[in-house]
All heavy atoms as atom14 arrays in JSON, in Angstrom:
{
  "sequence": "ERKPDQMMIKATGFLKEFPQTTDAEFDIQNNLSYTNAYQAIILIS",
  "atom14_mask": [
    [1, 1, 1, 1, 1, 1, 1, 1, 1, 0, 0, 0, 0, 0],
    [1, 1, 1, 1, 1, 1, 1, 1, 1, 1, 1, 0, 0, 0],
    [1, 1, 1, 1, 1, 1, 1, 1, 1, 0, 0, 0, 0, 0],
    [1, 1, 1, 1, 1, 1, 1, 0, 0, 0, 0, 0, 0, 0],
    [1, 1, 1, 1, 1, 1, 1, 1, 0, 0, 0, 0, 0, 0],
    [1, 1, 1, 1, 1, 1, 1, 1, 1, 0, 0, 0, 0, 0],
    [1, 1, 1, 1, 1, 1, 1, 1, 0, 0, 0, 0, 0, 0],
    [1, 1, 1, 1, 1, 1, 1, 1, 0, 0, 0, 0, 0, 0],
    [1, 1, 1, 1, 1, 1, 1, 1, 0, 0, 0, 0, 0, 0],
    [1, 1, 1, 1, 1, 1, 1, 1, 1, 0, 0, 0, 0, 0],
    [1, 1, 1, 1, 1, 0, 0, 0, 0, 0, 0, 0, 0, 0],
    [1, 1, 1, 1, 1, 1, 1, 0, 0, 0, 0, 0, 0, 0],
    [1, 1, 1, 1, 0, 0, 0, 0, 0, 0, 0, 0, 0, 0],
    [1, 1, 1, 1, 1, 1, 1, 1, 1, 1, 1, 0, 0, 0],
    [1, 1, 1, 1, 1, 1, 1, 1, 0, 0, 0, 0, 0, 0],
    [1, 1, 1, 1, 1, 1, 1, 1, 1, 0, 0, 0, 0, 0],
    [1, 1, 1, 1, 1, 1, 1, 1, 1, 0, 0, 0, 0, 0],
    [1, 1, 1, 1, 1, 1, 1, 1, 1, 1, 1, 0, 0, 0],
    [1, 1, 1, 1, 1, 1, 1, 0, 0, 0, 0, 0, 0, 0],
    [1, 1, 1, 1, 1, 1, 1, 1, 1, 0, 0, 0, 0, 0],
    [1, 1, 1, 1, 1, 1, 1, 0, 0, 0, 0, 0, 0, 0],
    [1, 1, 1, 1, 1, 1, 1, 0, 0, 0, 0, 0, 0, 0],
    [1, 1, 1, 1, 1, 1, 1, 1, 0, 0, 0, 0, 0, 0],
    [1, 1, 1, 1, 1, 0, 0, 0, 0, 0, 0, 0, 0, 0],
    [1, 1, 1, 1, 1, 1, 1, 1, 1, 0, 0, 0, 0, 0],
    [1, 1, 1, 1, 1, 1, 1, 1, 1, 1, 1, 0, 0, 0],
    [1, 1, 1, 1, 1, 1, 1, 1, 0, 0, 0, 0, 0, 0],
    [1, 1, 1, 1, 1, 1, 1, 1, 0, 0, 0, 0, 0, 0],
    [1, 1, 1, 1, 1, 1, 1, 1, 1, 0, 0, 0, 0, 0],
    [1, 1, 1, 1, 1, 1, 1, 1, 0, 0, 0, 0, 0, 0],
    [1, 1, 1, 1, 1, 1, 1, 1, 0, 0, 0, 0, 0, 0],
    [1, 1, 1, 1, 1, 1, 1, 1, 0, 0, 0, 0, 0, 0],
    [1, 1, 1, 1, 1, 1, 0, 0, 0, 0, 0, 0, 0, 0],
    [1, 1, 1, 1, 1, 1, 1, 1, 1, 1, 1, 1, 0, 0],
    [1, 1, 1, 1, 1, 1, 1, 0, 0, 0, 0, 0, 0, 0],
    [1, 1, 1, 1, 1, 1, 1, 1, 0, 0, 0, 0, 0, 0],
    [1, 1, 1, 1, 1, 0, 0, 0, 0, 0, 0, 0, 0, 0],
    [1, 1, 1, 1, 1, 1, 1, 1, 1, 1, 1, 1, 0, 0],
    [1, 1, 1, 1, 1, 1, 1, 1, 1, 0, 0, 0, 0, 0],
    [1, 1, 1, 1, 1, 0, 0, 0, 0, 0, 0, 0, 0, 0],
    [1, 1, 1, 1, 1, 1, 1, 1, 0, 0, 0, 0, 0, 0],
    [1, 1, 1, 1, 1, 1, 1, 1, 0, 0, 0, 0, 0, 0],
    [1, 1, 1, 1, 1, 1, 1, 1, 0, 0, 0, 0, 0, 0],
    [1, 1, 1, 1, 1, 1, 1, 1, 0, 0, 0, 0, 0, 0],
    [1, 1, 1, 1, 1, 1, 0, 0, 0, 0, 0, 0, 0, 0]
  ],
  "atom14_positions": [
    [[-8.91, 2.55, 5.66], [-8.75, 2.42, 7.11], [-8.34, 3.76, 7.71], [-7.52, 4.48, 7.15], [-7.69, 1.36, 7.42], [-7.44, 1.12, 8.89], [-8.67, 0.64, 9.64], [-9.19, -0.45, 9.3], [-9.12, 1.38, 10.54], [0.0, 0.0, 0.0], [0.0, 0.0, 0.0], [0.0, 0.0, 0.0], [0.0, 0.0, 0.0], [0.0, 0.0, 0.0]],
    [[-8.91, 4.11, 8.86], [-8.61, 5.39, 9.48], [-7.79, 5.25, 10.76], [-7.21, 6.23, 11.23], [-9.92, 6.14, 9.78], [-10.62, 6.6, 8.51], [-9.78, 7.64, 7.77], [-10.33, 7.98, 6.48], [-9.92, 7.47, 5.33], [-8.94, 6.56, 5.31], [-10.45, 7.85, 4.19], [0.0, 0.0, 0.0], [0.0, 0.0, 0.0], [0.0, 0.0, 0.0]],
    [[-7.75, 4.08, 11.35], [-6.96, 3.88, 12.55], [-5.52, 3.57, 12.16], [-5.27, 2.6, 11.43], [-7.54, 2.74, 13.38], [-8.93, 3.02, 13.92], [-9.47, 1.84, 14.72], [-10.87, 2.13, 15.25], [-11.41, 0.96, 16.0], [0.0, 0.0, 0.0], [0.0, 0.0, 0.0], [0.0, 0.0, 0.0], [0.0, 0.0, 0.0], [0.0, 0.0, 0.0]],
    [[-4.55, 4.39, 12.6], [-3.16, 4.22, 12.14], [-2.61, 2.81, 12.31], [-1.99, 2.27, 11.38], [-2.39, 5.24, 13.0], [-3.4, 6.29, 13.32], [-4.69, 5.56, 13.49], [0.0, 0.0, 0.0], [0.0, 0.0, 0.0], [0.0, 0.0, 0.0], [0.0, 0.0, 0.0], [0.0, 0.0, 0.0], [0.0, 0.0, 0.0], [0.0, 0.0, 0.0]],
    [[-2.82, 2.19, 13.48], [-2.26, 0.86, 13.7], [-2.85, -0.16, 12.73], [-2.13, -1.0, 12.18], [-2.5, 0.41, 15.15], [-1.64, 1.17, 16.15], [-0.66, 1.79, 15.7], [-1.96, 1.14, 17.35], [0.0, 0.0, 0.0], [0.0, 0.0, 0.0], [0.0, 0.0, 0.0], [0.0, 0.0, 0.0], [0.0, 0.0, 0.0], [0.0, 0.0, 0.0]],
    [[-4.16, -0.09, 12.53], [-4.81, -1.02, 11.6], [-4.4, -0.73, 10.16], [-4.23, -1.65, 9.36], [-6.33, -0.91, 11.74], [-6.88, -1.52, 13.02], [-6.58, -3.0, 13.13], [-6.81, -3.77, 12.19], [-6.03, -3.41, 14.27], [0.0, 0.0, 0.0], [0.0, 0.0, 0.0], [0.0, 0.0, 0.0], [0.0, 0.0, 0.0], [0.0, 0.0, 0.0]],
    [[-4.21, 0.56, 9.85], [-3.76, 0.91, 8.5], [-2.39, 0.3, 8.22], [-2.15, -0.24, 7.14], [-3.72, 2.43, 8.33], [-3.22, 2.87, 6.95], [-3.1, 4.65, 6.76], [-4.84, 5.06, 6.56], [0.0, 0.0, 0.0], [0.0, 0.0, 0.0], [0.0, 0.0, 0.0], [0.0, 0.0, 0.0], [0.0, 0.0, 0.0], [0.0, 0.0, 0.0]],
    [[-1.49, 0.38, 9.2], [-0.15, -0.17, 9.01], [-0.2, -1.69, 8.84], [0.5, -2.25, 8.0], [0.76, 0.21, 10.18], [2.21, -0.18, 9.94], [3.35, 0.61, 11.1], [2.94, -0.29, 12.6], [0.0, 0.0, 0.0], [0.0, 0.0, 0.0], [0.0, 0.0, 0.0], [0.0, 0.0, 0.0], [0.0, 0.0, 0.0], [0.0, 0.0, 0.0]],
    [[-1.05, -2.35, 9.63], [-1.18, -3.8, 9.51], [-1.7, -4.18, 8.12], [-1.17, -5.09, 7.47], [-2.13, -4.34, 10.61], [-1.46, -4.22, 11.98], [-2.5, -5.79, 10.32], [-2.39, -4.53, 13.14], [0.0, 0.0, 0.0], [0.0, 0.0, 0.0], [0.0, 0.0, 0.0], [0.0, 0.0, 0.0], [0.0, 0.0, 0.0], [0.0, 0.0, 0.0]],
    [[-2.71, -3.46, 7.65], [-3.29, -3.77, 6.34], [-2.32, -3.42, 5.2], [-2.26, -4.12, 4.19], [-4.61, -3.04, 6.16], [-5.72, -3.59, 7.05], [-7.04, -2.87, 6.84], [-8.14, -3.46, 7.73], [-9.43, -2.77, 7.55], [0.0, 0.0, 0.0], [0.0, 0.0, 0.0], [0.0, 0.0, 0.0], [0.0, 0.0, 0.0], [0.0, 0.0, 0.0]],
    [[-1.58, -2.34, 5.37], [-0.59, -1.97, 4.34], [0.51, -3.02, 4.27], [0.95, -3.4, 3.17], [-0.01, -0.6, 4.64], [0.0, 0.0, 0.0], [0.0, 0.0, 0.0], [0.0, 0.0, 0.0], [0.0, 0.0, 0.0], [0.0, 0.0, 0.0], [0.0, 0.0, 0.0], [0.0, 0.0, 0.0], [0.0, 0.0, 0.0], [0.0, 0.0, 0.0]],
    [[0.97, -3.49, 5.43], [2.01, -4.52, 5.47], [1.49, -5.81, 4.83], [2.2, -6.46, 4.04], [2.44, -4.8, 6.92], [2.88, -3.58, 7.52], [3.56, -5.82, 6.96], [0.0, 0.0, 0.0], [0.0, 0.0, 0.0], [0.0, 0.0, 0.0], [0.0, 0.0, 0.0], [0.0, 0.0, 0.0], [0.0, 0.0, 0.0], [0.0, 0.0, 0.0]],
    [[0.24, -6.17, 5.13], [-0.36, -7.36, 4.54], [-0.51, -7.23, 3.04], [-0.29, -8.19, 2.29], [0.0, 0.0, 0.0], [0.0, 0.0, 0.0], [0.0, 0.0, 0.0], [0.0, 0.0, 0.0], [0.0, 0.0, 0.0], [0.0, 0.0, 0.0], [0.0, 0.0, 0.0], [0.0, 0.0, 0.0], [0.0, 0.0, 0.0], [0.0, 0.0, 0.0]],
    [[-0.89, -6.04, 2.59], [-1.03, -5.78, 1.15], [0.29, -6.0, 0.43], [0.34, -6.68, -0.61], [-1.55, -4.36, 0.93], [-1.45, -3.89, -0.5], [-2.32, -4.37, -1.47], [-0.47, -2.97, -0.88], [-2.22, -3.94, -2.79], [-0.37, -2.55, -2.19], [-1.24, -3.03, -3.15], [0.0, 0.0, 0.0], [0.0, 0.0, 0.0], [0.0, 0.0, 0.0]],
    [[1.39, -5.43, 0.95], [2.69, -5.57, 0.31], [3.18, -7.02, 0.32], [3.84, -7.48, -0.62], [3.71, -4.67, 0.99], [3.51, -3.16, 0.81], [4.54, -2.39, 1.63], [3.6, -2.77, -0.66], [0.0, 0.0, 0.0], [0.0, 0.0, 0.0], [0.0, 0.0, 0.0], [0.0, 0.0, 0.0], [0.0, 0.0, 0.0], [0.0, 0.0, 0.0]],
    [[2.86, -7.72, 1.39], [3.3, -9.12, 1.49], [2.53, -10.01, 0.51], [3.11, -10.87, -0.16], [3.1, -9.63, 2.92], [3.6, -11.05, 3.14], [3.41, -11.47, 4.6], [3.92, -12.9, 4.81], [3.74, -13.32, 6.24], [0.0, 0.0, 0.0], [0.0, 0.0, 0.0], [0.0, 0.0, 0.0], [0.0, 0.0, 0.0], [0.0, 0.0, 0.0]],
    [[1.22, -9.78, 0.43], [0.39, -10.62, -0.43], [0.48, -10.24, -1.9], [0.38, -11.1, -2.79], [-1.07, -10.54, 0.03], [-1.97, -11.56, -0.62], [-3.36, -11.58, 0.0], [-3.63, -10.76, 0.9], [-4.17, -12.42, -0.42], [0.0, 0.0, 0.0], [0.0, 0.0, 0.0], [0.0, 0.0, 0.0], [0.0, 0.0, 0.0], [0.0, 0.0, 0.0]],
    [[0.7, -8.94, -2.15], [0.75, -8.46, -3.53], [2.0, -7.6, -3.74], [1.93, -6.36, -3.72], [-0.5, -7.64, -3.85], [-1.78, -8.41, -3.74], [-2.57, -8.28, -2.6], [-2.19, -9.26, -4.75], [-3.76, -8.98, -2.48], [-3.38, -9.97, -4.63], [-4.16, -9.83, -3.5], [0.0, 0.0, 0.0], [0.0, 0.0, 0.0], [0.0, 0.0, 0.0]],
    [[3.17, -8.23, -3.89], [4.39, -7.46, -4.15], [4.21, -6.6, -5.4], [3.43, -6.93, -6.3], [5.45, -8.55, -4.37], [4.9, -9.76, -3.7], [3.41, -9.68, -3.85], [0.0, 0.0, 0.0], [0.0, 0.0, 0.0], [0.0, 0.0, 0.0], [0.0, 0.0, 0.0], [0.0, 0.0, 0.0], [0.0, 0.0, 0.0], [0.0, 0.0, 0.0]],
    [[4.95, -5.51, -5.44], [4.79, -4.56, -6.54], [5.01, -5.24, -7.88], [5.98, -5.96, -8.08], [5.75, -3.38, -6.38], [5.49, -2.25, -7.37], [6.08, -0.94, -6.9], [6.65, -0.85, -5.84], [5.91, 0.09, -7.69], [0.0, 0.0, 0.0], [0.0, 0.0, 0.0], [0.0, 0.0, 0.0], [0.0, 0.0, 0.0], [0.0, 0.0, 0.0]],
    [[4.08, -5.01, -8.81], [4.14, -5.63, -10.13], [4.59, -4.6, -11.16], [4.83, -3.43, -10.86], [2.76, -6.16, -10.53], [1.89, -5.03, -10.77], [2.17, -7.03, -9.45], [0.0, 0.0, 0.0], [0.0, 0.0, 0.0], [0.0, 0.0, 0.0], [0.0, 0.0, 0.0], [0.0, 0.0, 0.0], [0.0, 0.0, 0.0], [0.0, 0.0, 0.0]],
    [[4.66, -5.08, -12.39], [5.02, -4.18, -13.49], [3.78, -3.71, -14.25], [3.91, -3.08, -15.29], [5.99, -4.89, -14.47], [5.35, -6.1, -14.94], [7.29, -5.25, -13.79], [0.0, 0.0, 0.0], [0.0, 0.0, 0.0], [0.0, 0.0, 0.0], [0.0, 0.0, 0.0], [0.0, 0.0, 0.0], [0.0, 0.0, 0.0], [0.0, 0.0, 0.0]],
    [[2.59, -4.03, -13.74], [1.36, -3.63, -14.41], [1.02, -2.19, -14.07], [0.01, -1.89, -13.43], [0.21, -4.56, -14.02], [-1.01, -4.4, -14.93], [-0.95, -3.55, -15.84], [-2.01, -5.1, -14.72], [0.0, 0.0, 0.0], [0.0, 0.0, 0.0], [0.0, 0.0, 0.0], [0.0, 0.0, 0.0], [0.0, 0.0, 0.0], [0.0, 0.0, 0.0]],
    [[1.91, -1.29, -14.48], [1.76, 0.12, -14.12], [0.51, 0.73, -14.75], [-0.12, 1.61, -14.14], [2.99, 0.91, -14.56], [0.0, 0.0, 0.0], [0.0, 0.0, 0.0], [0.0, 0.0, 0.0], [0.0, 0.0, 0.0], [0.0, 0.0, 0.0], [0.0, 0.0, 0.0], [0.0, 0.0, 0.0], [0.0, 0.0, 0.0], [0.0, 0.0, 0.0]],
    [[0.12, 0.27, -15.93], [-1.04, 0.84, -16.62], [-2.31, 0.6, -15.8], [-3.12, 1.51, -15.62], [-1.18, 0.22, -18.0], [-2.25, 0.88, -18.86], [-2.22, 0.4, -20.29], [-1.17, -0.1, -20.74], [-3.26, 0.52, -20.97], [0.0, 0.0, 0.0], [0.0, 0.0, 0.0], [0.0, 0.0, 0.0], [0.0, 0.0, 0.0], [0.0, 0.0, 0.0]],
    [[-2.47, -0.61, -15.26], [-3.63, -0.91, -14.42], [-3.6, -0.05, -13.16], [-4.63, 0.5, -12.75], [-3.63, -2.4, -14.03], [-4.72, -2.78, -13.07], [-5.98, -3.12, -13.53], [-4.5, -2.77, -11.69], [-7.0, -3.46, -12.65], [-5.5, -3.12, -10.8], [-6.76, -3.46, -11.28], [0.0, 0.0, 0.0], [0.0, 0.0, 0.0], [0.0, 0.0, 0.0]],
    [[-2.43, 0.08, -12.55], [-2.31, 0.86, -11.32], [-2.68, 2.31, -11.56], [-3.4, 2.93, -10.76], [-0.9, 0.76, -10.76], [-0.58, -0.64, -10.27], [-1.5, -1.48, -10.2], [0.6, -0.9, -9.95], [0.0, 0.0, 0.0], [0.0, 0.0, 0.0], [0.0, 0.0, 0.0], [0.0, 0.0, 0.0], [0.0, 0.0, 0.0], [0.0, 0.0, 0.0]],
    [[-2.22, 2.88, -12.66], [-2.51, 4.28, -12.97], [-4.0, 4.46, -13.22], [-4.62, 5.41, -12.71], [-1.68, 4.74, -14.18], [-0.18, 4.79, -13.83], [-2.14, 6.11, -14.67], [0.72, 5.02, -15.02], [0.0, 0.0, 0.0], [0.0, 0.0, 0.0], [0.0, 0.0, 0.0], [0.0, 0.0, 0.0], [0.0, 0.0, 0.0], [0.0, 0.0, 0.0]],
    [[-4.61, 3.54, -13.99], [-6.03, 3.65, -14.31], [-6.91, 3.56, -13.07], [-7.98, 4.16, -13.0], [-6.42, 2.55, -15.3], [-5.89, 2.75, -16.7], [-6.21, 1.58, -17.61], [-6.67, 0.52, -17.17], [-5.96, 1.75, -18.9], [0.0, 0.0, 0.0], [0.0, 0.0, 0.0], [0.0, 0.0, 0.0], [0.0, 0.0, 0.0], [0.0, 0.0, 0.0]],
    [[-6.44, 2.8, -12.06], [-7.26, 2.56, -10.88], [-6.76, 3.3, -9.64], [-7.19, 3.01, -8.52], [-7.31, 1.06, -10.59], [-8.09, 0.3, -11.63], [-9.31, 0.23, -11.58], [-7.39, -0.28, -12.6], [0.0, 0.0, 0.0], [0.0, 0.0, 0.0], [0.0, 0.0, 0.0], [0.0, 0.0, 0.0], [0.0, 0.0, 0.0], [0.0, 0.0, 0.0]],
    [[-5.87, 4.28, -9.84], [-5.33, 5.07, -8.73], [-4.75, 4.18, -7.63], [-4.94, 4.45, -6.43], [-6.4, 5.99, -8.15], [-6.88, 7.03, -9.14], [-6.07, 7.65, -9.82], [-8.17, 7.21, -9.25], [0.0, 0.0, 0.0], [0.0, 0.0, 0.0], [0.0, 0.0, 0.0], [0.0, 0.0, 0.0], [0.0, 0.0, 0.0], [0.0, 0.0, 0.0]],
    [[-4.1, 3.12, -8.03], [-3.47, 2.2, -7.08], [-2.0, 2.59, -6.96], [-1.25, 2.49, -7.93], [-3.62, 0.76, -7.56], [-3.28, -0.36, -6.57], [-3.92, -1.68, -7.02], [-1.78, -0.57, -6.42], [0.0, 0.0, 0.0], [0.0, 0.0, 0.0], [0.0, 0.0, 0.0], [0.0, 0.0, 0.0], [0.0, 0.0, 0.0], [0.0, 0.0, 0.0]],
    [[-1.6, 3.03, -5.79], [-0.25, 3.55, -5.6], [0.48, 2.8, -4.5], [0.1, 2.88, -3.33], [-0.29, 5.05, -5.28], [0.98, 5.51, -4.89], [0.0, 0.0, 0.0], [0.0, 0.0, 0.0], [0.0, 0.0, 0.0], [0.0, 0.0, 0.0], [0.0, 0.0, 0.0], [0.0, 0.0, 0.0], [0.0, 0.0, 0.0], [0.0, 0.0, 0.0]],
    [[1.51, 2.06, -4.88], [2.33, 1.39, -3.87], [3.03, 2.42, -2.97], [3.38, 2.12, -1.84], [3.35, 0.47, -4.54], [2.77, -0.88, -4.89], [2.02, -1.04, -6.05], [2.94, -1.98, -4.06], [1.46, -2.27, -6.37], [2.39, -3.21, -4.37], [1.65, -3.36, -5.53], [1.09, -4.58, -5.83], [0.0, 0.0, 0.0], [0.0, 0.0, 0.0]],
    [[3.2, 3.6, -3.51], [3.78, 4.69, -2.71], [3.01, 4.87, -1.41], [3.6, 5.04, -0.34], [3.76, 6.0, -3.52], [4.63, 5.88, -4.62], [4.2, 7.18, -2.66], [0.0, 0.0, 0.0], [0.0, 0.0, 0.0], [0.0, 0.0, 0.0], [0.0, 0.0, 0.0], [0.0, 0.0, 0.0], [0.0, 0.0, 0.0], [0.0, 0.0, 0.0]],
    [[1.67, 4.84, -1.49], [0.85, 5.04, -0.3], [1.06, 3.94, 0.73], [1.04, 4.19, 1.95], [-0.62, 5.12, -0.69], [-0.95, 6.38, -1.45], [-0.26, 7.38, -1.32], [-1.99, 6.33, -2.28], [0.0, 0.0, 0.0], [0.0, 0.0, 0.0], [0.0, 0.0, 0.0], [0.0, 0.0, 0.0], [0.0, 0.0, 0.0], [0.0, 0.0, 0.0]],
    [[1.27, 2.71, 0.27], [1.5, 1.6, 1.19], [2.83, 1.76, 1.91], [2.91, 1.61, 3.14], [1.45, 0.27, 0.44], [0.0, 0.0, 0.0], [0.0, 0.0, 0.0], [0.0, 0.0, 0.0], [0.0, 0.0, 0.0], [0.0, 0.0, 0.0], [0.0, 0.0, 0.0], [0.0, 0.0, 0.0], [0.0, 0.0, 0.0], [0.0, 0.0, 0.0]],
    [[3.88, 2.05, 1.16], [5.2, 2.24, 1.78], [5.16, 3.4, 2.77], [5.69, 3.32, 3.89], [6.25, 2.54, 0.7], [6.5, 1.39, -0.24], [6.46, 1.57, -1.62], [6.8, 0.12, 0.24], [6.7, 0.53, -2.5], [7.05, -0.93, -0.64], [7.0, -0.72, -2.0], [7.24, -1.76, -2.86], [0.0, 0.0, 0.0], [0.0, 0.0, 0.0]],
    [[4.52, 4.49, 2.35], [4.49, 5.67, 3.21], [3.7, 5.41, 4.49], [4.08, 5.88, 5.56], [3.87, 6.86, 2.45], [4.78, 7.43, 1.39], [4.19, 8.64, 0.7], [4.9, 9.37, 0.03], [2.91, 8.88, 0.86], [0.0, 0.0, 0.0], [0.0, 0.0, 0.0], [0.0, 0.0, 0.0], [0.0, 0.0, 0.0], [0.0, 0.0, 0.0]],
    [[2.6, 4.69, 4.39], [1.8, 4.41, 5.58], [2.63, 3.69, 6.62], [2.63, 4.05, 7.8], [0.58, 3.56, 5.2], [0.0, 0.0, 0.0], [0.0, 0.0, 0.0], [0.0, 0.0, 0.0], [0.0, 0.0, 0.0], [0.0, 0.0, 0.0], [0.0, 0.0, 0.0], [0.0, 0.0, 0.0], [0.0, 0.0, 0.0], [0.0, 0.0, 0.0]],
    [[3.37, 2.67, 6.19], [4.18, 1.89, 7.13], [5.3, 2.74, 7.72], [5.51, 2.77, 8.94], [4.77, 0.65, 6.43], [3.64, -0.28, 5.97], [5.72, -0.11, 7.37], [4.09, -1.37, 5.02], [0.0, 0.0, 0.0], [0.0, 0.0, 0.0], [0.0, 0.0, 0.0], [0.0, 0.0, 0.0], [0.0, 0.0, 0.0], [0.0, 0.0, 0.0]],
    [[6.01, 3.44, 6.86], [7.18, 4.21, 7.3], [6.77, 5.37, 8.2], [7.36, 5.58, 9.27], [7.98, 4.71, 6.09], [8.62, 3.51, 5.36], [9.05, 5.71, 6.51], [9.25, 3.86, 4.04], [0.0, 0.0, 0.0], [0.0, 0.0, 0.0], [0.0, 0.0, 0.0], [0.0, 0.0, 0.0], [0.0, 0.0, 0.0], [0.0, 0.0, 0.0]],
    [[5.75, 6.11, 7.8], [5.38, 7.31, 8.56], [4.7, 6.96, 9.88], [4.94, 7.63, 10.89], [4.47, 8.2, 7.71], [5.12, 8.78, 6.44], [4.11, 9.59, 5.64], [6.32, 9.63, 6.78], [0.0, 0.0, 0.0], [0.0, 0.0, 0.0], [0.0, 0.0, 0.0], [0.0, 0.0, 0.0], [0.0, 0.0, 0.0], [0.0, 0.0, 0.0]],
    [[3.86, 5.94, 9.87], [3.2, 5.55, 11.12], [4.23, 5.0, 12.1], [4.18, 5.28, 13.31], [2.08, 4.53, 10.85], [0.95, 5.2, 10.07], [1.54, 3.96, 12.16], [-0.11, 4.24, 9.55], [0.0, 0.0, 0.0], [0.0, 0.0, 0.0], [0.0, 0.0, 0.0], [0.0, 0.0, 0.0], [0.0, 0.0, 0.0], [0.0, 0.0, 0.0]],
    [[5.19, 4.23, 11.6], [6.26, 3.73, 12.47], [7.09, 4.88, 13.04], [7.45, 4.88, 14.22], [7.17, 2.77, 11.69], [6.46, 1.63, 11.27], [0.0, 0.0, 0.0], [0.0, 0.0, 0.0], [0.0, 0.0, 0.0], [0.0, 0.0, 0.0], [0.0, 0.0, 0.0], [0.0, 0.0, 0.0], [0.0, 0.0, 0.0], [0.0, 0.0, 0.0]]
  ]
}
């Protein structure tokens, strides 16, 4: 997503629907970073 407001909405929805798990190996292999979700919400706000 490139629109900041929509990005924040989708990031918030992602965290709500998929709370951070312990499957770090999958996340690393697939470049899935919860850091980016937290940062999107905090920085856009």
